[in-house]
């Protein structure tokens, strides 16, 4: 039987997990960095890399619609195509970086900062 890597479940149902990743990616594009738990940061990194690759392809209506389908925010799509994709035009991958932070005080969860390179 074949098994396909689907990523982390993050203790959430599919719809909640998808909206979490969308929101983390939107914040990353708008602010350039986002602080979250390590597992969420690693999973959002995969999602963000995919969205940036779509924006880099070409600035067509089809690409913008695909990016909007993944981000669901017109402002984020505009920033993605105008600034982020232009910044990484010559780069083949590795647009984001995950940096570990000290544990969260309340529950000791591993924290990380996801940022654009």
PDB file of N, CA and C in Angstrom:
ATOM      1  N   UNK A   1       0.836  -1.173   0.000  1.00  0.00           N
ATOM      2  CA  UNK A   1       0.000   0.000   0.000  1.00  0.00           C
ATOM      3  C   UNK A   1       0.887   1.245   0.000  1.00  0.00           C
ATOM      4  N   UNK A   2       0.542   2.203  -0.823  1.00  0.00           N
ATOM      5  CA  UNK A   2       1.307   3.442  -0.880  1.00  0.00           C
ATOM      6  C   UNK A   2       0.826   4.399   0.193  1.00  0.00           C
ATOM      7  N   UNK A   3       1.769   5.104   0.752  1.00  0.00           N
ATOM      8  CA  UNK A   3       1.435   6.133   1.735  1.00  0.00           C
ATOM      9  C   UNK A   3       1.974   7.449   1.241  1.00  0.00           C
ATOM     10  N   UNK A   4       1.144   8.431   1.289  1.00  0.00           N
ATOM     11  CA  UNK A   4       1.546   9.754   0.851  1.00  0.00           C
ATOM     12  C   UNK A   4       1.712  10.650   2.065  1.00  0.00           C
ATOM     13  N   UNK A   5       2.816  11.379   2.116  1.00  0.00           N
ATOM     14  CA  UNK A   5       3.042  12.272   3.244  1.00  0.00           C
ATOM     15  C   UNK A   5       2.071  13.436   3.151  1.00  0.00           C
ATOM     16  N   UNK A   6       1.266  13.592   4.164  1.00  0.00           N
ATOM     17  CA  UNK A   6       0.253  14.638   4.160  1.00  0.00           C
ATOM     18  C   UNK A   6       0.608  15.782   5.090  1.00  0.00           C
ATOM     19  N   UNK A   7       1.618  15.631   5.902  1.00  0.00           N
ATOM     20  CA  UNK A   7       1.983  16.696   6.819  1.00  0.00           C
ATOM     21  C   UNK A   7       1.411  16.461   8.201  1.00  0.00           C
ATOM     22  N   UNK A   8       1.596  17.438   9.048  1.00  0.00           N
ATOM     23  CA  UNK A   8       1.161  17.332  10.433  1.00  0.00           C
ATOM     24  C   UNK A   8      -0.330  17.608  10.562  1.00  0.00           C
ATOM     25  N   UNK A   9      -0.950  16.961  11.531  1.00  0.00           N
ATOM     26  CA  UNK A   9      -2.377  17.168  11.760  1.00  0.00           C
ATOM     27  C   UNK A   9      -2.639  18.331  12.709  1.00  0.00           C
ATOM     28  N   UNK A  10      -1.673  18.664  13.546  1.00  0.00           N
ATOM     29  CA  UNK A  10      -1.758  19.814  14.454  1.00  0.00           C
ATOM     30  C   UNK A  10      -2.967  19.749  15.392  1.00  0.00           C
ATOM     31  N   UNK A  11      -3.433  18.558  15.686  1.00  0.00           N
ATOM     32  CA  UNK A  11      -4.568  18.342  16.602  1.00  0.00           C
ATOM     33  C   UNK A  11      -5.812  19.120  16.181  1.00  0.00           C
ATOM     34  N   UNK A  12      -6.034  19.188  14.869  1.00  0.00           N
ATOM     35  CA  UNK A  12      -7.183  19.910  14.347  1.00  0.00           C
ATOM     36  C   UNK A  12      -7.825  19.100  13.233  1.00  0.00           C
ATOM     37  N   UNK A  13      -9.100  19.403  12.975  1.00  0.00           N
ATOM     38  CA  UNK A  13      -9.760  18.794  11.827  1.00  0.00           C
ATOM     39  C   UNK A  13      -9.286  19.494  10.558  1.00  0.00           C
ATOM     40  N   UNK A  14      -9.591  18.904   9.419  1.00  0.00           N
ATOM     41  CA  UNK A  14      -9.069  19.376   8.146  1.00  0.00           C
ATOM     42  C   UNK A  14      -9.385  20.855   7.881  1.00  0.00           C
ATOM     43  N   UNK A  15     -10.624  21.259   8.082  1.00  0.00           N
ATOM     44  CA  UNK A  15     -11.032  22.630   7.779  1.00  0.00           C
ATOM     45  C   UNK A  15     -10.309  23.626   8.680  1.00  0.00           C
ATOM     46  N   UNK A  16     -10.218  23.297   9.962  1.00  0.00           N
ATOM     47  CA  UNK A  16      -9.550  24.183  10.913  1.00  0.00           C
ATOM     48  C   UNK A  16      -8.056  24.283  10.610  1.00  0.00           C
ATOM     49  N   UNK A  17      -7.452  23.161  10.288  1.00  0.00           N
ATOM     50  CA  UNK A  17      -6.025  23.128   9.957  1.00  0.00           C
ATOM     51  C   UNK A  17      -5.746  23.964   8.713  1.00  0.00           C
ATOM     52  N   UNK A  18      -6.606  23.848   7.712  1.00  0.00           N
ATOM     53  CA  UNK A  18      -6.427  24.602   6.470  1.00  0.00           C
ATOM     54  C   UNK A  18      -6.536  26.104   6.720  1.00  0.00           C
ATOM     55  N   UNK A  19      -7.522  26.530   7.497  1.00  0.00           N
ATOM     56  CA  UNK A  19      -7.675  27.963   7.775  1.00  0.00           C
ATOM     57  C   UNK A  19      -6.518  28.473   8.625  1.00  0.00           C
ATOM     58  N   UNK A  20      -5.994  27.643   9.523  1.00  0.00           N
ATOM     59  CA  UNK A  20      -4.833  28.031  10.320  1.00  0.00           C
ATOM     60  C   UNK A  20      -3.629  28.297   9.421  1.00  0.00           C
ATOM     61  N   UNK A  21      -3.372  27.399   8.476  1.00  0.00           N
ATOM     62  CA  UNK A  21      -2.238  27.560   7.569  1.00  0.00           C
ATOM     63  C   UNK A  21      -2.422  28.762   6.651  1.00  0.00           C
ATOM     64  N   UNK A  22      -3.644  28.993   6.205  1.00  0.00           N
ATOM     65  CA  UNK A  22      -3.935  30.158   5.368  1.00  0.00           C
ATOM     66  C   UNK A  22      -3.647  31.443   6.144  1.00  0.00           C
ATOM     67  N   UNK A  23      -4.125  31.508   7.386  1.00  0.00           N
ATOM     68  CA  UNK A  23      -3.923  32.719   8.188  1.00  0.00           C
ATOM     69  C   UNK A  23      -2.454  32.954   8.513  1.00  0.00           C
ATOM     70  N   UNK A  24      -1.716  31.902   8.828  1.00  0.00           N
ATOM     71  CA  UNK A  24      -0.290  32.057   9.100  1.00  0.00           C
ATOM     72  C   UNK A  24       0.449  32.540   7.855  1.00  0.00           C
ATOM     73  N   UNK A  25       0.096  32.009   6.698  1.00  0.00           N
ATOM     74  CA  UNK A  25       0.748  32.414   5.453  1.00  0.00           C
ATOM     75  C   UNK A  25       0.400  33.852   5.093  1.00  0.00           C
ATOM     76  N   UNK A  26      -0.862  34.250   5.287  1.00  0.00           N
ATOM     77  CA  UNK A  26      -1.253  35.642   5.022  1.00  0.00           C
ATOM     78  C   UNK A  26      -0.466  36.599   5.913  1.00  0.00           C
ATOM     79  N   UNK A  27      -0.345  36.271   7.191  1.00  0.00           N
ATOM     80  CA  UNK A  27       0.413  37.121   8.112  1.00  0.00           C
ATOM     81  C   UNK A  27       1.884  37.173   7.728  1.00  0.00           C
ATOM     82  N   UNK A  28       2.425  36.068   7.281  1.00  0.00           N
ATOM     83  CA  UNK A  28       3.816  36.035   6.843  1.00  0.00           C
ATOM     84  C   UNK A  28       4.024  36.960   5.658  1.00  0.00           C
ATOM     85  N   UNK A  29       3.128  36.933   4.692  1.00  0.00           N
ATOM     86  CA  UNK A  29       3.254  37.775   3.505  1.00  0.00           C
ATOM     87  C   UNK A  29       3.073  39.244   3.859  1.00  0.00           C
ATOM     88  N   UNK A  30       2.111  39.552   4.730  1.00  0.00           N
ATOM     89  CA  UNK A  30       1.833  40.946   5.085  1.00  0.00           C
ATOM     90  C   UNK A  30       2.908  41.551   5.988  1.00  0.00           C
ATOM     91  N   UNK A  31       3.426  40.770   6.953  1.00  0.00           N
ATOM     92  CA  UNK A  31       4.333  41.318   7.957  1.00  0.00           C
ATOM     93  C   UNK A  31       5.781  40.863   7.803  1.00  0.00           C
ATOM     94  N   UNK A  32       6.023  39.846   6.991  1.00  0.00           N
ATOM     95  CA  UNK A  32       7.384  39.367   6.782  1.00  0.00           C
ATOM     96  C   UNK A  32       7.860  38.358   7.811  1.00  0.00           C
ATOM     97  N   UNK A  33       7.121  38.223   8.903  1.00  0.00           N
ATOM     98  CA  UNK A  33       7.468  37.234   9.926  1.00  0.00           C
ATOM     99  C   UNK A  33       6.239  36.939  10.768  1.00  0.00           C
ATOM    100  N   UNK A  34       6.265  35.775  11.423  1.00  0.00           N
ATOM    101  CA  UNK A  34       5.169  35.398  12.311  1.00  0.00           C
ATOM    102  C   UNK A  34       5.730  34.462  13.379  1.00  0.00           C
ATOM    103  N   UNK A  35       5.324  34.668  14.632  1.00  0.00           N
ATOM    104  CA  UNK A  35       5.751  33.815  15.741  1.00  0.00           C
ATOM    105  C   UNK A  35       4.633  32.829  16.064  1.00  0.00           C
ATOM    106  N   UNK A  36       4.992  31.556  16.160  1.00  0.00           N
ATOM    107  CA  UNK A  36       4.017  30.510  16.433  1.00  0.00           C
ATOM    108  C   UNK A  36       4.759  29.304  17.001  1.00  0.00           C
ATOM    109  N   UNK A  37       4.053  28.201  17.203  1.00  0.00           N
ATOM    110  CA  UNK A  37       4.731  27.004  17.704  1.00  0.00           C
ATOM    111  C   UNK A  37       5.580  26.403  16.585  1.00  0.00           C
ATOM    112  N   UNK A  38       6.531  25.590  16.962  1.00  0.00           N
ATOM    113  CA  UNK A  38       7.470  25.015  15.997  1.00  0.00           C
ATOM    114  C   UNK A  38       6.757  24.157  14.954  1.00  0.00           C
ATOM    115  N   UNK A  39       5.828  23.315  15.377  1.00  0.00           N
ATOM    116  CA  UNK A  39       5.124  22.435  14.441  1.00  0.00           C
ATOM    117  C   UNK A  39       4.298  23.246  13.441  1.00  0.00           C
ATOM    118  N   UNK A  40       3.605  24.278  13.927  1.00  0.00           N
ATOM    119  CA  UNK A  40       2.806  25.122  13.033  1.00  0.00           C
ATOM    120  C   UNK A  40       3.700  25.869  12.062  1.00  0.00           C
ATOM    121  N   UNK A  41       4.849  26.346  12.533  1.00  0.00           N
ATOM    122  CA  UNK A  41       5.774  27.082  11.673  1.00  0.00           C
ATOM    123  C   UNK A  41       6.304  26.196  10.556  1.00  0.00           C
ATOM    124  N   UNK A  42       6.656  24.958  10.880  1.00  0.00           N
ATOM    125  CA  UNK A  42       7.179  24.047   9.861  1.00  0.00           C
ATOM    126  C   UNK A  42       6.119  23.711   8.817  1.00  0.00           C
ATOM    127  N   UNK A  43       4.900  23.557   9.245  1.00  0.00           N
ATOM    128  CA  UNK A  43       3.828  23.227   8.311  1.00  0.00           C
ATOM    129  C   UNK A  43       3.456  24.447   7.468  1.00  0.00           C
ATOM    130  N   UNK A  44       3.410  25.630   8.091  1.00  0.00           N
ATOM    131  CA  UNK A  44       3.099  26.851   7.347  1.00  0.00           C
ATOM    132  C   UNK A  44       4.219  27.176   6.356  1.00  0.00           C
ATOM    133  N   UNK A  45       5.428  26.770   6.660  1.00  0.00           N
ATOM    134  CA  UNK A  45       6.554  26.991   5.753  1.00  0.00           C
ATOM    135  C   UNK A  45       6.304  26.259   4.431  1.00  0.00           C
ATOM    136  N   UNK A  46       5.841  25.021   4.506  1.00  0.00           N
ATOM    137  CA  UNK A  46       5.541  24.255   3.293  1.00  0.00           C
ATOM    138  C   UNK A  46       4.466  24.953   2.459  1.00  0.00           C
ATOM    139  N   UNK A  47       3.440  25.453   3.131  1.00  0.00           N
ATOM    140  CA  UNK A  47       2.325  26.119   2.454  1.00  0.00           C
ATOM    141  C   UNK A  47       2.791  27.417   1.798  1.00  0.00           C
ATOM    142  N   UNK A  48       3.604  28.203   2.527  1.00  0.00           N
ATOM    143  CA  UNK A  48       4.080  29.483   2.015  1.00  0.00           C
ATOM    144  C   UNK A  48       5.004  29.300   0.808  1.00  0.00           C
ATOM    145  N   UNK A  49       5.866  28.297   0.854  1.00  0.00           N
ATOM    146  CA  UNK A  49       6.775  28.039  -0.272  1.00  0.00           C
ATOM    147  C   UNK A  49       5.958  27.727  -1.532  1.00  0.00           C
ATOM    148  N   UNK A  50       4.899  26.954  -1.371  1.00  0.00           N
ATOM    149  CA  UNK A  50       4.048  26.597  -2.504  1.00  0.00           C
ATOM    150  C   UNK A  50       3.386  27.841  -3.100  1.00  0.00           C
ATOM    151  N   UNK A  51       2.883  28.731  -2.240  1.00  0.00           N
ATOM    152  CA  UNK A  51       2.204  29.938  -2.711  1.00  0.00           C
ATOM    153  C   UNK A  51       3.192  30.861  -3.424  1.00  0.00           C
ATOM    154  N   UNK A  52       4.399  31.003  -2.897  1.00  0.00           N
ATOM    155  CA  UNK A  52       5.396  31.873  -3.525  1.00  0.00           C
ATOM    156  C   UNK A  52       5.804  31.312  -4.880  1.00  0.00           C
ATOM    157  N   UNK A  53       5.919  29.999  -4.993  1.00  0.00           N
ATOM    158  CA  UNK A  53       6.243  29.399  -6.288  1.00  0.00           C
ATOM    159  C   UNK A  53       5.169  29.700  -7.329  1.00  0.00           C
ATOM    160  N   UNK A  54       3.922  29.680  -6.925  1.00  0.00           N
ATOM    161  CA  UNK A  54       2.834  30.016  -7.849  1.00  0.00           C
ATOM    162  C   UNK A  54       2.971  31.461  -8.313  1.00  0.00           C
ATOM    163  N   UNK A  55       3.298  32.355  -7.399  1.00  0.00           N
ATOM    164  CA  UNK A  55       3.426  33.776  -7.739  1.00  0.00           C
ATOM    165  C   UNK A  55       4.628  34.032  -8.637  1.00  0.00           C
ATOM    166  N   UNK A  56       5.667  33.240  -8.512  1.00  0.00           N
ATOM    167  CA  UNK A  56       6.868  33.435  -9.316  1.00  0.00           C
ATOM    168  C   UNK A  56       6.691  32.997 -10.763  1.00  0.00           C
ATOM    169  N   UNK A  57       5.826  32.045 -11.018  1.00  0.00           N
ATOM    170  CA  UNK A  57       5.675  31.491 -12.366  1.00  0.00           C
ATOM    171  C   UNK A  57       5.535  32.589 -13.410  1.00  0.00           C
ATOM    172  N   UNK A  58       4.424  33.263 -13.383  1.00  0.00           N
ATOM    173  CA  UNK A  58       4.181  34.396 -14.271  1.00  0.00           C
ATOM    174  C   UNK A  58       3.005  35.170 -13.711  1.00  0.00           C
ATOM    175  N   UNK A  59       2.964  36.443 -13.995  1.00  0.00           N
ATOM    176  CA  UNK A  59       1.895  37.282 -13.471  1.00  0.00           C
ATOM    177  C   UNK A  59       0.693  37.230 -14.404  1.00  0.00           C
ATOM    178  N   UNK A  60      -0.017  36.117 -14.386  1.00  0.00           N
ATOM    179  CA  UNK A  60      -1.192  35.959 -15.225  1.00  0.00           C
ATOM    180  C   UNK A  60      -2.437  35.886 -14.346  1.00  0.00           C
ATOM    181  N   UNK A  61      -3.565  35.995 -14.973  1.00  0.00           N
ATOM    182  CA  UNK A  61      -4.825  35.910 -14.248  1.00  0.00           C
ATOM    183  C   UNK A  61      -4.973  34.543 -13.595  1.00  0.00           C
ATOM    184  N   UNK A  62      -4.535  33.517 -14.301  1.00  0.00           N
ATOM    185  CA  UNK A  62      -4.638  32.159 -13.772  1.00  0.00           C
ATOM    186  C   UNK A  62      -3.813  31.997 -12.494  1.00  0.00           C
ATOM    187  N   UNK A  63      -2.588  32.516 -12.498  1.00  0.00           N
ATOM    188  CA  UNK A  63      -1.726  32.421 -11.315  1.00  0.00           C
ATOM    189  C   UNK A  63      -2.321  33.191 -10.143  1.00  0.00           C
ATOM    190  N   UNK A  64      -2.867  34.367 -10.436  1.00  0.00           N
ATOM    191  CA  UNK A  64      -3.483  35.164  -9.369  1.00  0.00           C
ATOM    192  C   UNK A  64      -4.703  34.451  -8.778  1.00  0.00           C
ATOM    193  N   UNK A  65      -5.463  33.802  -9.623  1.00  0.00           N
ATOM    194  CA  UNK A  65      -6.634  33.070  -9.132  1.00  0.00           C
ATOM    195  C   UNK A  65      -6.218  31.872  -8.284  1.00  0.00           C
ATOM    196  N   UNK A  66      -5.160  31.189  -8.707  1.00  0.00           N
ATOM    197  CA  UNK A  66      -4.658  30.062  -7.923  1.00  0.00           C
ATOM    198  C   UNK A  66      -4.181  30.549  -6.550  1.00  0.00           C
ATOM    199  N   UNK A  67      -3.447  31.662  -6.533  1.00  0.00           N
ATOM    200  CA  UNK A  67      -2.956  32.205  -5.274  1.00  0.00           C
ATOM    201  C   UNK A  67      -4.118  32.661  -4.394  1.00  0.00           C
ATOM    202  N   UNK A  68      -5.133  33.268  -5.004  1.00  0.00           N
ATOM    203  CA  UNK A  68      -6.296  33.703  -4.226  1.00  0.00           C
ATOM    204  C   UNK A  68      -7.031  32.501  -3.646  1.00  0.00           C
ATOM    205  N   UNK A  69      -7.081  31.399  -4.400  1.00  0.00           N
ATOM    206  CA  UNK A  69      -7.731  30.183  -3.905  1.00  0.00           C
ATOM    207  C   UNK A  69      -7.015  29.660  -2.661  1.00  0.00           C
ATOM    208  N   UNK A  70      -5.683  29.822  -2.626  1.00  0.00           N
ATOM    209  CA  UNK A  70      -4.910  29.341  -1.483  1.00  0.00           C
ATOM    210  C   UNK A  70      -4.881  30.332  -0.318  1.00  0.00           C
ATOM    211  N   UNK A  71      -4.941  31.640  -0.612  1.00  0.00           N
ATOM    212  CA  UNK A  71      -4.826  32.652   0.443  1.00  0.00           C
ATOM    213  C   UNK A  71      -6.154  33.269   0.874  1.00  0.00           C
ATOM    214  N   UNK A  72      -7.107  33.379  -0.046  1.00  0.00           N
ATOM    215  CA  UNK A  72      -8.426  33.940   0.232  1.00  0.00           C
ATOM    216  C   UNK A  72      -8.365  35.369   0.775  1.00  0.00           C
ATOM    217  N   UNK A  73      -7.451  36.179   0.212  1.00  0.00           N
ATOM    218  CA  UNK A  73      -7.305  37.569   0.642  1.00  0.00           C
ATOM    219  C   UNK A  73      -6.706  38.375  -0.504  1.00  0.00           C
ATOM    220  N   UNK A  74      -7.468  39.345  -1.028  1.00  0.00           N
ATOM    221  CA  UNK A  74      -7.011  40.130  -2.178  1.00  0.00           C
ATOM    222  C   UNK A  74      -5.764  40.945  -1.861  1.00  0.00           C
ATOM    223  N   UNK A  75      -5.718  41.528  -0.679  1.00  0.00           N
ATOM    224  CA  UNK A  75      -4.568  42.354  -0.292  1.00  0.00           C
ATOM    225  C   UNK A  75      -3.290  41.509  -0.222  1.00  0.00           C
ATOM    226  N   UNK A  76      -3.386  40.321   0.339  1.00  0.00           N
ATOM    227  CA  UNK A  76      -2.220  39.438   0.444  1.00  0.00           C
ATOM    228  C   UNK A  76      -1.753  38.989  -0.938  1.00  0.00           C
ATOM    229  N   UNK A  77      -2.692  38.713  -1.846  1.00  0.00           N
ATOM    230  CA  UNK A  77      -2.321  38.297  -3.199  1.00  0.00           C
ATOM    231  C   UNK A  77      -1.611  39.436  -3.922  1.00  0.00           C
ATOM    232  N   UNK A  78      -2.101  40.651  -3.745  1.00  0.00           N
ATOM    233  CA  UNK A  78      -1.461  41.818  -4.373  1.00  0.00           C
ATOM    234  C   UNK A  78      -0.035  41.982  -3.862  1.00  0.00           C
ATOM    235  N   UNK A  79       0.157  41.904  -2.547  1.00  0.00           N
ATOM    236  CA  UNK A  79       1.508  41.986  -1.974  1.00  0.00           C
ATOM    237  C   UNK A  79       2.388  40.844  -2.471  1.00  0.00           C
ATOM    238  N   UNK A  80       1.819  39.664  -2.550  1.00  0.00           N
ATOM    239  CA  UNK A  80       2.570  38.486  -2.983  1.00  0.00           C
ATOM    240  C   UNK A  80       3.119  38.676  -4.388  1.00  0.00           C
ATOM    241  N   UNK A  81       2.292  39.124  -5.307  1.00  0.00           N
ATOM    242  CA  UNK A  81       2.733  39.259  -6.692  1.00  0.00           C
ATOM    243  C   UNK A  81       3.591  40.500  -6.908  1.00  0.00           C
ATOM    244  N   UNK A  82       3.279  41.617  -6.235  1.00  0.00           N
ATOM    245  CA  UNK A  82       4.006  42.857  -6.477  1.00  0.00           C
ATOM    246  C   UNK A  82       5.357  42.902  -5.777  1.00  0.00           C
ATOM    247  N   UNK A  83       5.433  42.429  -4.542  1.00  0.00           N
ATOM    248  CA  UNK A  83       6.664  42.577  -3.770  1.00  0.00           C
ATOM    249  C   UNK A  83       7.402  41.264  -3.551  1.00  0.00           C
ATOM    250  N   UNK A  84       6.722  40.272  -3.015  1.00  0.00           N
ATOM    251  CA  UNK A  84       7.396  39.035  -2.609  1.00  0.00           C
ATOM    252  C   UNK A  84       7.925  38.264  -3.820  1.00  0.00           C
ATOM    253  N   UNK A  85       7.093  38.074  -4.838  1.00  0.00           N
ATOM    254  CA  UNK A  85       7.534  37.316  -6.015  1.00  0.00           C
ATOM    255  C   UNK A  85       8.672  38.035  -6.732  1.00  0.00           C
ATOM    256  N   UNK A  86       8.606  39.364  -6.785  1.00  0.00           N
ATOM    257  CA  UNK A  86       9.674  40.128  -7.438  1.00  0.00           C
ATOM    258  C   UNK A  86      10.993  39.993  -6.675  1.00  0.00           C
ATOM    259  N   UNK A  87      10.911  39.924  -5.350  1.00  0.00           N
ATOM    260  CA  UNK A  87      12.105  39.798  -4.518  1.00  0.00           C
ATOM    261  C   UNK A  87      12.812  38.458  -4.733  1.00  0.00           C
ATOM    262  N   UNK A  88      12.043  37.401  -5.011  1.00  0.00           N
ATOM    263  CA  UNK A  88      12.610  36.063  -5.127  1.00  0.00           C
ATOM    264  C   UNK A  88      12.665  35.562  -6.572  1.00  0.00           C
ATOM    265  N   UNK A  89      12.652  36.469  -7.545  1.00  0.00           N
ATOM    266  CA  UNK A  89      12.636  36.082  -8.954  1.00  0.00           C
ATOM    267  C   UNK A  89      13.835  35.205  -9.318  1.00  0.00           C
ATOM    268  N   UNK A  90      15.020  35.511  -8.803  1.00  0.00           N
ATOM    269  CA  UNK A  90      16.240  34.776  -9.142  1.00  0.00           C
ATOM    270  C   UNK A  90      16.497  33.589  -8.221  1.00  0.00           C
ATOM    271  N   UNK A  91      15.716  33.427  -7.180  1.00  0.00           N
ATOM    272  CA  UNK A  91      15.947  32.365  -6.196  1.00  0.00           C
ATOM    273  C   UNK A  91      15.124  31.129  -6.553  1.00  0.00           C
ATOM    274  N   UNK A  92      15.740  29.956  -6.430  1.00  0.00           N
ATOM    275  CA  UNK A  92      15.066  28.721  -6.834  1.00  0.00           C
ATOM    276  C   UNK A  92      14.276  28.055  -5.715  1.00  0.00           C
ATOM    277  N   UNK A  93      14.371  28.504  -4.515  1.00  0.00           N
ATOM    278  CA  UNK A  93      13.648  27.900  -3.405  1.00  0.00           C
ATOM    279  C   UNK A  93      14.201  28.427  -2.098  1.00  0.00           C
ATOM    280  N   UNK A  94      13.665  27.963  -0.997  1.00  0.00           N
ATOM    281  CA  UNK A  94      14.140  28.413   0.304  1.00  0.00           C
ATOM    282  C   UNK A  94      13.807  29.868   0.562  1.00  0.00           C
ATOM    283  N   UNK A  95      12.546  30.235   0.373  1.00  0.00           N
ATOM    284  CA  UNK A  95      12.125  31.621   0.551  1.00  0.00           C
ATOM    285  C   UNK A  95      11.856  31.951   2.012  1.00  0.00           C
ATOM    286  N   UNK A  96      11.690  30.931   2.840  1.00  0.00           N
ATOM    287  CA  UNK A  96      11.363  31.154   4.245  1.00  0.00           C
ATOM    288  C   UNK A  96      12.383  30.472   5.137  1.00  0.00           C
ATOM    289  N   UNK A  97      12.395  30.914   6.384  1.00  0.00           N
ATOM    290  CA  UNK A  97      13.319  30.360   7.380  1.00  0.00           C
ATOM    291  C   UNK A  97      12.558  30.194   8.685  1.00  0.00           C
ATOM    292  N   UNK A  98      12.835  29.094   9.396  1.00  0.00           N
ATOM    293  CA  UNK A  98      12.247  28.856  10.714  1.00  0.00           C
ATOM    294  C   UNK A  98      13.364  28.962  11.738  1.00  0.00           C
ATOM    295  N   UNK A  99      13.204  29.892  12.683  1.00  0.00           N
ATOM    296  CA  UNK A  99      14.192  30.107  13.734  1.00  0.00           C
ATOM    297  C   UNK A  99      13.542  29.778  15.072  1.00  0.00           C
ATOM    298  N   UNK A 100      14.191  28.915  15.846  1.00  0.00           N
ATOM    299  CA  UNK A 100      13.636  28.547  17.142  1.00  0.00           C
ATOM    300  C   UNK A 100      13.753  29.709  18.123  1.00  0.00           C
ATOM    301  N   UNK A 101      12.727  29.847  18.955  1.00  0.00           N
ATOM    302  CA  UNK A 101      12.669  30.864  20.003  1.00  0.00           C
ATOM    303  C   UNK A 101      12.611  30.156  21.356  1.00  0.00           C
ATOM    304  N   UNK A 102      12.791  30.893  22.454  1.00  0.00           N
ATOM    305  CA  UNK A 102      12.646  30.264  23.780  1.00  0.00           C
ATOM    306  C   UNK A 102      11.232  29.723  23.980  1.00  0.00           C
ATOM    307  N   UNK A 103      11.067  28.743  24.859  1.00  0.00           N
ATOM    308  CA  UNK A 103       9.730  28.160  25.081  1.00  0.00           C
ATOM    309  C   UNK A 103       8.735  29.194  25.602  1.00  0.00           C
ATOM    310  N   UNK A 104       7.474  28.950  25.307  1.00  0.00           N
ATOM    311  CA  UNK A 104       6.401  29.837  25.763  1.00  0.00           C
ATOM    312  C   UNK A 104       6.276  29.718  27.274  1.00  0.00           C
ATOM    313  N   UNK A 105       6.069  30.833  27.950  1.00  0.00           N
ATOM    314  CA  UNK A 105       6.039  30.838  29.417  1.00  0.00           C
ATOM    315  C   UNK A 105       4.861  30.070  29.996  1.00  0.00           C
ATOM    316  N   UNK A 106       3.715  30.189  29.383  1.00  0.00           N
ATOM    317  CA  UNK A 106       2.512  29.588  29.957  1.00  0.00           C
ATOM    318  C   UNK A 106       2.540  28.078  30.014  1.00  0.00           C
ATOM    319  N   UNK A 107       2.881  27.442  28.883  1.00  0.00           N
ATOM    320  CA  UNK A 107       2.814  25.987  28.835  1.00  0.00           C
ATOM    321  C   UNK A 107       4.122  25.333  28.393  1.00  0.00           C
ATOM    322  N   UNK A 108       5.148  26.107  28.135  1.00  0.00           N
ATOM    323  CA  UNK A 108       6.446  25.552  27.771  1.00  0.00           C
ATOM    324  C   UNK A 108       6.507  25.010  26.357  1.00  0.00           C
ATOM    325  N   UNK A 109       5.562  25.414  25.491  1.00  0.00           N
ATOM    326  CA  UNK A 109       5.545  24.927  24.116  1.00  0.00           C
ATOM    327  C   UNK A 109       6.748  25.468  23.343  1.00  0.00           C
ATOM    328  N   UNK A 110       7.293  24.641  22.444  1.00  0.00           N
ATOM    329  CA  UNK A 110       8.401  25.077  21.604  1.00  0.00           C
ATOM    330  C   UNK A 110       7.899  26.152  20.654  1.00  0.00           C
ATOM    331  N   UNK A 111       8.544  27.304  20.666  1.00  0.00           N
ATOM    332  CA  UNK A 111       8.136  28.415  19.818  1.00  0.00           C
ATOM    333  C   UNK A 111       9.146  28.599  18.690  1.00  0.00           C
ATOM    334  N   UNK A 112       8.679  29.214  17.607  1.00  0.00           N
ATOM    335  CA  UNK A 112       9.548  29.463  16.462  1.00  0.00           C
ATOM    336  C   UNK A 112       9.056  30.701  15.731  1.00  0.00           C
ATOM    337  N   UNK A 113       9.963  31.312  14.992  1.00  0.00           N
ATOM    338  CA  UNK A 113       9.621  32.468  14.160  1.00  0.00           C
ATOM    339  C   UNK A 113       9.781  32.049  12.707  1.00  0.00           C
ATOM    340  N   UNK A 114       8.725  32.182  11.940  1.00  0.00           N
ATOM    341  CA  UNK A 114       8.753  31.908  10.508  1.00  0.00           C
ATOM    342  C   UNK A 114       8.921  33.245   9.822  1.00  0.00           C
ATOM    343  N   UNK A 115       9.967  33.369   8.986  1.00  0.00           N
ATOM    344  CA  UNK A 115      10.223  34.651   8.345  1.00  0.00           C
ATOM    345  C   UNK A 115      10.622  34.471   6.892  1.00  0.00           C
ATOM    346  N   UNK A 116      10.382  35.513   6.114  1.00  0.00           N
ATOM    347  CA  UNK A 116      10.841  35.510   4.732  1.00  0.00           C
ATOM    348  C   UNK A 116      12.332  35.818   4.733  1.00  0.00           C
ATOM    349  N   UNK A 117      13.087  35.133   3.876  1.00  0.00           N
ATOM    350  CA  UNK A 117      14.547  35.315   3.816  1.00  0.00           C
ATOM    351  C   UNK A 117      14.847  36.625   3.131  1.00  0.00           C
TER     352      UNK A 117
END
